[in-house]
Amino acid sequence: MAGAPLSVVRLERGLFARKTARFGKETMSMKIVLGVSVAAIALAAAPAAARTQIREVGSTTVFPFAKAVAEQFVRTNPKFQAPVIEGTGTGAGMKLFCSGVGAQFPDIENASRRMKASEFKDCAAHGVTAITEIQVGLDGIAFATSKKSSDFALTTVDIYKAIAATPFGKPNKYKTWNEINPKLPKAAILVYGPSSISGTRDALGELIMTAGCKSNAGTAAMEKTDGDKFKLICTKVREDGPYVETGDNPNLIVQKIEANPNTLGIFGFSYIDENRDRLKASTINGVAPSFETVSTFKYAGSRPLYVYVKNQHVRAVPGMKEYIAEFSKESTWGKGGYLSRIGLIPAPDASRAKSAASAAALTPLDAASLK
């Protein structure tokens, strides 16, 4: 396919031809999408030993980093075919990844939050019994407006009150931001964010909303006395209009907030960083998202990003070992590595060393470490 990127890629939910400052060109085309669809059908019908391409699914946040690694992998290992990378969202990707062992099932899952204990059990129930977890770097969940909008100096409590279905256990009746905090703009609450199957949505609940929820002593105490009710009150997003799901399409969110002044969008920090000409990041608890604040966890929305490897596929699918090695090099994910130049924030030194060791040894994930 003349002029096509080195890696074969697909991004779900209409993210065709995403243009970013990272790559300076379209990262995919409809022609490539159709090519992957045909390839996927062929792979599903092939025996395990016949599959010659790595298949990787999951997080759209991790997607551009995986794509860059795939391109470098093909350059340095031309004997292997380009990986097929699908941006399905973390939750949907986990379901595909855990569905079984064999050519019709993905080899690698990209995730913008850690695997859940329930997902690990689902994997085991379908014969996926050896999984290696690799933390590949950091990103931040960030709130942003268009350049034309007012400044929003938010707190985790402000965000929780604005988008929770039942803040502190009561129905959400907030309509405008200044009802929540008189320092905020007198504007209707309207937040465009990820869907319920997105890892970004999970991280939003765990990192931002739960922090705001715990500001109430009574609700905080509930975490020990009634964990299910606590999670529902702290992380369930309202469905009466002020929060609008936009899937995993950051370009669509940008279009929405540009068309509607004083509305907010939820993005990964790396996306905001590459689109500062169009977006204005909001502070959370007085801290702006930046390379330094995310990497040191000073920013409330800092989160690790992961890759999960199906160890049972490593020998069956050509190039998996080499691809994993490429992803876990210091020159890839370390300080000054090529992923940091396109927006990935390197994990702390100790975390990178631990992940590199796990990647090299294909250390199985311990179920006891998950919650």
Protein backbone atom coordinates (compact mmCIF):
# COMPACT_ATOMS: atom_id res chain seq x y z
CA MET A 1 0.00 0.00 0.00
CA ALA A 2 1.93 3.01 -1.27
CA GLY A 3 2.30 5.87 1.15
CA ALA A 4 0.68 4.03 4.07
CA PRO A 5 2.16 4.24 7.57
CA LEU A 6 4.49 1.39 8.56
CA SER A 7 2.04 0.05 11.12
CA VAL A 8 -1.42 -1.07 10.13
CA VAL A 9 -3.83 0.77 12.38
CA ARG A 10 -7.49 1.17 13.14
CA LEU A 11 -9.17 3.54 15.59
CA GLU A 12 -12.82 2.83 16.43
CA ARG A 13 -15.83 5.18 16.80
CA GLY A 14 -15.09 7.35 13.78
CA LEU A 15 -11.55 8.41 14.64
CA PHE A 16 -10.52 8.24 11.01
CA ALA A 17 -7.70 10.47 9.82
CA ARG A 18 -6.90 11.97 13.21
CA LYS A 19 -4.62 14.93 12.61
CA THR A 20 -2.24 15.79 15.42
CA ALA A 21 0.82 17.90 15.98
CA ARG A 22 2.62 14.71 17.06
CA PHE A 23 2.77 13.23 13.62
CA GLY A 24 2.11 16.26 11.42
CA LYS A 25 -0.01 14.20 9.04
CA GLU A 26 -3.00 11.93 8.93
CA THR A 27 -2.28 8.80 10.93
CA MET A 28 -4.75 6.65 9.11
CA SER A 29 -7.15 6.55 6.21
CA MET A 30 -10.40 4.84 5.32
CA LYS A 31 -8.44 2.66 2.95
CA ILE A 32 -6.30 1.38 5.81
CA VAL A 33 -9.35 0.85 8.01
CA LEU A 34 -10.94 -1.34 5.38
CA GLY A 35 -7.68 -3.23 4.91
CA VAL A 36 -7.55 -4.03 8.60
CA SER A 37 -11.15 -5.21 8.59
CA VAL A 38 -10.35 -7.72 5.83
CA ALA A 39 -7.19 -8.78 7.67
CA ALA A 40 -9.10 -9.28 10.89
CA ILE A 41 -11.57 -11.59 9.16
CA ALA A 42 -8.70 -13.60 7.70
CA LEU A 43 -7.00 -13.89 11.08
CA ALA A 44 -10.14 -15.10 12.76
CA ALA A 45 -10.32 -18.02 10.34
CA ALA A 46 -6.63 -18.91 10.56
CA PRO A 47 -5.08 -21.49 12.89
CA ALA A 48 -2.91 -20.08 15.70
CA ALA A 49 0.35 -21.01 14.04
CA ALA A 50 -0.67 -19.28 10.79
CA ARG A 51 -1.17 -15.77 12.21
CA THR A 52 1.78 -13.60 11.25
CA GLN A 53 0.70 -10.20 12.63
CA ILE A 54 0.53 -8.99 16.19
CA ARG A 55 -2.97 -7.81 17.07
CA GLU A 56 -3.22 -5.09 19.73
CA VAL A 57 -6.45 -3.55 21.04
CA GLY A 58 -7.58 -1.14 23.74
CA SER A 59 -7.06 2.39 24.96
CA THR A 60 -7.22 5.28 22.52
CA THR A 61 -4.93 7.19 24.92
CA VAL A 62 -2.20 4.56 24.55
CA PHE A 63 -2.94 4.13 20.83
CA PRO A 64 -0.58 6.82 19.41
CA PHE A 65 2.29 5.57 21.58
CA ALA A 66 1.72 1.97 20.51
CA LYS A 67 1.59 3.12 16.89
CA ALA A 68 4.95 4.87 17.22
CA VAL A 69 6.47 1.75 18.78
CA ALA A 70 5.00 -0.42 16.01
CA GLU A 71 6.55 1.78 13.35
CA GLN A 72 9.96 1.64 15.00
CA PHE A 73 9.60 -2.13 15.48
CA VAL A 74 9.05 -2.64 11.74
CA ARG A 75 12.01 -0.39 10.88
CA THR A 76 14.37 -2.38 13.06
CA ASN A 77 12.77 -5.79 12.39
CA PRO A 78 11.76 -5.74 8.71
CA LYS A 79 11.33 -9.52 8.61
CA PHE A 80 8.14 -9.18 10.70
CA GLN A 81 4.79 -7.87 9.49
CA ALA A 82 3.40 -4.60 10.87
CA PRO A 83 1.20 -4.99 13.96
CA VAL A 84 -2.53 -4.39 13.69
CA ILE A 85 -3.50 -1.80 16.34
CA GLU A 86 -7.15 -1.11 17.13
CA GLY A 87 -8.32 1.79 19.33
CA THR A 88 -11.39 0.20 20.90
CA GLY A 89 -11.28 1.83 24.34
CA THR A 90 -9.87 0.13 27.42
CA GLY A 91 -13.03 -1.65 28.58
CA ALA A 92 -13.99 -3.02 25.19
CA GLY A 93 -10.38 -4.01 24.56
CA MET A 94 -10.25 -5.95 27.83
CA LYS A 95 -13.33 -7.94 26.79
CA LEU A 96 -11.72 -8.84 23.48
CA PHE A 97 -8.37 -9.63 25.09
CA CYS A 98 -9.95 -11.87 27.73
CA SER A 99 -12.23 -13.73 25.32
CA GLY A 100 -9.81 -16.59 24.73
CA VAL A 101 -6.55 -17.98 23.38
CA GLY A 102 -6.02 -18.43 19.65
CA ALA A 103 -5.64 -16.57 16.38
CA GLN A 104 -9.05 -14.90 16.58
CA PHE A 105 -8.21 -13.21 19.90
CA PRO A 106 -5.91 -10.20 20.50
CA ASP A 107 -2.34 -10.64 21.74
CA ILE A 108 -1.93 -7.33 23.56
CA GLU A 109 -4.26 -4.96 25.42
CA ASN A 110 -3.50 -1.26 25.86
CA ALA A 111 -5.07 0.30 28.95
CA SER A 112 -5.40 3.78 30.41
CA ARG A 113 -6.08 2.29 33.83
CA ARG A 114 -5.09 -0.92 35.58
CA MET A 115 -6.79 -4.23 34.85
CA LYS A 116 -9.65 -4.95 37.25
CA ALA A 117 -9.87 -8.11 39.35
CA SER A 118 -13.14 -8.94 37.57
CA GLU A 119 -11.39 -8.70 34.18
CA PHE A 120 -8.58 -10.94 35.38
CA LYS A 121 -11.18 -13.52 36.45
CA ASP A 122 -12.90 -13.22 33.07
CA CYS A 123 -9.58 -13.87 31.34
CA ALA A 124 -8.98 -16.95 33.48
CA ALA A 125 -12.50 -18.23 32.79
CA HIS A 126 -11.71 -18.15 29.05
CA GLY A 127 -8.31 -19.84 29.33
CA VAL A 128 -6.14 -16.72 29.40
CA THR A 129 -4.05 -17.80 32.36
CA ALA A 130 -0.72 -15.98 31.96
CA ILE A 131 -0.71 -12.19 31.56
CA THR A 132 2.20 -9.79 31.90
CA GLU A 133 1.46 -6.25 33.06
CA ILE A 134 3.79 -3.51 31.82
CA GLN A 135 3.43 0.10 32.96
CA VAL A 136 4.59 2.05 29.93
CA GLY A 137 4.39 5.62 31.25
CA LEU A 138 2.10 8.30 32.65
CA ASP A 139 -0.64 10.60 31.44
CA GLY A 140 -3.09 12.92 33.14
CA ILE A 141 -6.88 13.28 32.99
CA ALA A 142 -7.31 16.94 32.19
CA PHE A 143 -10.20 19.38 31.80
CA ALA A 144 -10.00 22.02 29.11
CA THR A 145 -12.05 24.71 27.41
CA SER A 146 -11.68 26.40 24.08
CA LYS A 147 -9.38 29.41 23.83
CA LYS A 148 -12.45 31.68 23.67
CA SER A 149 -13.92 30.48 26.97
CA SER A 150 -13.56 31.81 30.51
CA ASP A 151 -10.87 30.42 32.80
CA PHE A 152 -11.97 27.54 35.05
CA ALA A 153 -9.99 27.13 38.27
CA LEU A 154 -11.55 23.88 39.44
CA THR A 155 -11.23 21.71 42.52
CA THR A 156 -11.98 18.00 42.77
CA VAL A 157 -15.03 18.96 44.85
CA ASP A 158 -16.28 21.33 42.12
CA ILE A 159 -15.96 18.61 39.50
CA TYR A 160 -17.65 16.02 41.69
CA LYS A 161 -20.60 18.29 42.45
CA ALA A 162 -20.95 19.20 38.77
CA ILE A 163 -21.03 15.72 37.23
CA ALA A 164 -21.92 13.21 39.97
CA ALA A 165 -25.40 11.69 39.75
CA THR A 166 -25.94 11.91 43.51
CA PRO A 167 -23.29 14.16 45.12
CA PHE A 168 -22.93 13.12 48.77
CA GLY A 169 -25.98 10.90 48.34
CA LYS A 170 -28.46 13.54 47.16
CA PRO A 171 -29.90 14.06 43.63
CA ASN A 172 -27.82 16.49 41.62
CA LYS A 173 -29.71 19.77 41.12
CA TYR A 174 -26.78 21.99 40.11
CA LYS A 175 -27.37 23.81 36.82
CA THR A 176 -24.60 26.42 36.69
CA TRP A 177 -20.97 26.47 37.79
CA ASN A 178 -21.35 29.49 40.06
CA GLU A 179 -24.03 27.61 42.05
CA ILE A 180 -21.27 25.19 43.00
CA ASN A 181 -18.55 27.77 43.54
CA PRO A 182 -19.13 31.55 43.27
CA LYS A 183 -15.60 31.93 41.89
CA LEU A 184 -16.52 29.93 38.80
CA PRO A 185 -18.19 31.40 35.68
CA LYS A 186 -21.94 32.00 35.65
CA ALA A 187 -22.41 29.42 32.92
CA ALA A 188 -24.48 26.30 32.48
CA ILE A 189 -22.70 23.10 33.44
CA LEU A 190 -21.90 21.19 30.28
CA VAL A 191 -19.05 18.68 30.24
CA TYR A 192 -18.15 16.49 27.26
CA GLY A 193 -16.41 13.33 28.41
CA PRO A 194 -15.63 9.66 27.88
CA SER A 195 -18.18 6.86 27.84
CA SER A 196 -18.63 4.22 30.51
CA ILE A 197 -16.45 1.67 28.65
CA SER A 198 -13.46 4.00 28.57
CA GLY A 199 -10.45 3.66 30.85
CA THR A 200 -10.43 7.45 31.06
CA ARG A 201 -13.94 7.33 32.54
CA ASP A 202 -12.81 4.80 35.15
CA ALA A 203 -9.81 6.93 36.04
CA LEU A 204 -12.03 10.03 36.21
CA GLY A 205 -14.13 8.30 38.84
CA GLU A 206 -11.22 6.95 40.84
CA LEU A 207 -8.84 9.93 40.72
CA ILE A 208 -11.04 13.01 40.50
CA MET A 209 -14.61 12.27 41.55
CA THR A 210 -13.73 10.02 44.49
CA ALA A 211 -11.32 12.65 45.83
CA GLY A 212 -14.13 15.21 45.76
CA CYS A 213 -16.58 12.74 47.26
CA LYS A 214 -14.27 12.05 50.20
CA SER A 215 -14.32 15.72 51.19
CA ASN A 216 -17.53 14.84 53.05
CA ALA A 217 -16.65 12.93 56.23
CA GLY A 218 -19.85 10.90 56.25
CA THR A 219 -19.42 9.76 52.66
CA ALA A 220 -15.74 9.01 53.22
CA ALA A 221 -16.59 6.77 56.19
CA MET A 222 -18.97 4.81 53.98
CA GLU A 223 -16.00 3.38 52.05
CA LYS A 224 -15.39 0.94 54.91
CA THR A 225 -18.98 0.31 55.95
CA ASP A 226 -20.67 -0.05 52.54
CA GLY A 227 -18.16 -0.15 49.69
CA ASP A 228 -20.71 -0.67 46.92
CA LYS A 229 -22.84 2.30 47.98
CA PHE A 230 -19.71 4.41 48.40
CA LYS A 231 -18.57 3.63 44.86
CA LEU A 232 -22.02 4.38 43.44
CA ILE A 233 -22.28 7.74 45.19
CA CYS A 234 -18.70 8.72 44.40
CA THR A 235 -18.32 7.61 40.77
CA LYS A 236 -21.72 7.39 39.06
CA VAL A 237 -22.03 10.21 36.51
CA ARG A 238 -25.28 12.15 36.14
CA GLU A 239 -27.51 11.37 33.16
CA ASP A 240 -29.78 14.44 33.13
CA GLY A 241 -27.87 16.45 30.53
CA PRO A 242 -24.89 18.36 32.00
CA TYR A 243 -22.53 15.43 31.27
CA VAL A 244 -22.48 14.33 27.63
CA GLU A 245 -20.76 11.14 26.54
CA THR A 246 -18.72 11.53 23.36
CA GLY A 247 -17.09 8.12 23.14
CA ASP A 248 -13.33 8.00 22.77
CA ASN A 249 -13.07 10.72 20.15
CA PRO A 250 -11.06 13.72 21.41
CA ASN A 251 -11.44 15.52 18.09
CA LEU A 252 -15.22 15.46 18.49
CA ILE A 253 -14.90 16.89 22.01
CA VAL A 254 -12.79 19.76 20.66
CA GLN A 255 -15.43 20.52 18.06
CA LYS A 256 -18.14 20.54 20.72
CA ILE A 257 -16.38 22.89 23.15
CA GLU A 258 -15.34 25.25 20.36
CA ALA A 259 -18.96 25.47 19.23
CA ASN A 260 -20.26 25.99 22.78
CA PRO A 261 -18.41 28.67 24.81
CA ASN A 262 -17.76 27.98 28.52
CA THR A 263 -18.21 24.23 28.13
CA LEU A 264 -15.56 21.77 29.29
CA GLY A 265 -14.04 18.69 27.71
CA ILE A 266 -12.17 15.82 29.36
CA PHE A 267 -8.96 14.71 27.67
CA GLY A 268 -5.70 12.92 28.28
CA PHE A 269 -3.00 15.48 29.11
CA SER A 270 -0.90 14.42 26.13
CA TYR A 271 -3.75 15.41 23.79
CA ILE A 272 -4.10 18.85 25.38
CA ASP A 273 -0.34 19.34 25.28
CA GLU A 274 -0.27 18.81 21.52
CA ASN A 275 -3.34 21.01 20.89
CA ARG A 276 -2.55 24.09 22.99
CA ASP A 277 -3.33 26.28 20.00
CA ARG A 278 -7.00 25.25 20.36
CA LEU A 279 -7.38 24.25 24.02
CA LYS A 280 -6.94 25.93 27.40
CA ALA A 281 -6.30 23.57 30.32
CA SER A 282 -8.08 24.18 33.61
CA THR A 283 -6.29 23.96 36.93
CA ILE A 284 -7.42 21.38 39.49
CA ASN A 285 -6.80 22.23 43.15
CA GLY A 286 -4.61 25.10 41.98
CA VAL A 287 -2.30 22.89 39.88
CA ALA A 288 -2.10 23.05 36.10
CA PRO A 289 -1.41 19.86 34.15
CA SER A 290 2.18 19.79 32.89
CA PHE A 291 4.99 17.35 32.27
CA GLU A 292 6.41 18.11 35.72
CA THR A 293 3.14 18.03 37.71
CA VAL A 294 1.93 14.81 36.09
CA SER A 295 5.27 13.00 36.45
CA THR A 296 5.52 13.91 40.14
CA PHE A 297 1.81 13.18 40.81
CA LYS A 298 1.26 16.75 42.05
CA TYR A 299 -1.57 16.98 39.54
CA ALA A 300 -4.75 15.29 40.79
CA GLY A 301 -5.44 13.55 37.50
CA SER A 302 -2.06 11.81 37.07
CA ARG A 303 -2.46 8.18 35.98
CA PRO A 304 -0.30 5.26 34.80
CA LEU A 305 -0.75 3.74 31.35
CA TYR A 306 -0.39 0.00 30.78
CA VAL A 307 0.18 -2.72 28.21
CA TYR A 308 -1.00 -6.27 28.95
CA VAL A 309 0.62 -9.19 27.12
CA LYS A 310 -1.03 -12.57 26.56
CA ASN A 311 1.96 -14.79 27.33
CA GLN A 312 0.38 -17.83 25.71
CA HIS A 313 0.62 -16.05 22.34
CA VAL A 314 4.27 -14.98 22.54
CA ARG A 315 5.70 -18.10 20.89
CA ALA A 316 2.82 -18.55 18.46
CA VAL A 317 2.81 -15.06 16.92
CA PRO A 318 6.05 -13.99 15.16
CA GLY A 319 7.64 -10.81 16.50
CA MET A 320 5.84 -10.52 19.82
CA LYS A 321 9.01 -10.92 21.88
CA GLU A 322 10.83 -8.33 19.79
CA TYR A 323 7.90 -5.92 19.87
CA ILE A 324 7.67 -6.12 23.66
CA ALA A 325 11.41 -5.53 23.87
CA GLU A 326 11.07 -2.42 21.67
CA PHE A 327 8.27 -1.03 23.86
CA SER A 328 10.29 -1.47 27.06
CA LYS A 329 13.60 0.11 25.98
CA GLU A 330 14.88 3.22 27.76
CA SER A 331 15.33 4.79 24.33
CA THR A 332 11.58 4.23 23.82
CA TRP A 333 9.86 5.13 27.09
CA GLY A 334 12.64 6.69 29.15
CA LYS A 335 13.57 10.32 29.68
CA GLY A 336 14.38 11.71 26.26
CA GLY A 337 13.00 8.58 24.55
CA TYR A 338 11.04 8.92 21.35
CA LEU A 339 7.70 8.41 23.13
CA SER A 340 8.40 11.37 25.42
CA ARG A 341 8.87 13.48 22.29
CA ILE A 342 5.29 12.71 21.25
CA GLY A 343 3.68 13.30 24.63
CA LEU A 344 4.20 10.26 26.89
CA ILE A 345 5.44 11.19 30.36
CA PRO A 346 8.07 8.71 31.58
CA ALA A 347 7.19 6.75 34.71
CA PRO A 348 9.48 7.15 37.74
CA ASP A 349 12.84 5.37 37.43
CA ALA A 350 11.91 2.55 39.82
CA SER A 351 8.63 1.88 37.97
CA ARG A 352 10.40 1.76 34.60
CA ALA A 353 13.01 -0.64 35.94
CA LYS A 354 10.34 -2.93 37.39
CA SER A 355 8.31 -2.88 34.18
CA ALA A 356 11.37 -3.53 32.02
CA ALA A 357 12.20 -6.57 34.15
CA SER A 358 8.62 -7.85 33.88
CA ALA A 359 8.65 -7.36 30.11
CA ALA A 360 11.94 -9.21 29.68
CA ALA A 361 10.91 -12.15 31.88
CA LEU A 362 7.22 -12.10 30.91
CA THR A 363 6.41 -12.15 34.62
CA PRO A 364 2.80 -13.30 35.15
CA LEU A 365 0.50 -10.78 36.81
CA ASP A 366 -0.42 -11.69 40.40
CA ALA A 367 -4.19 -11.63 40.85
CA ALA A 368 -3.75 -10.67 44.50
CA SER A 369 -2.33 -7.29 43.46
CA LEU A 370 -5.57 -6.29 41.73
CA LYS A 371 -8.64 -4.79 43.36
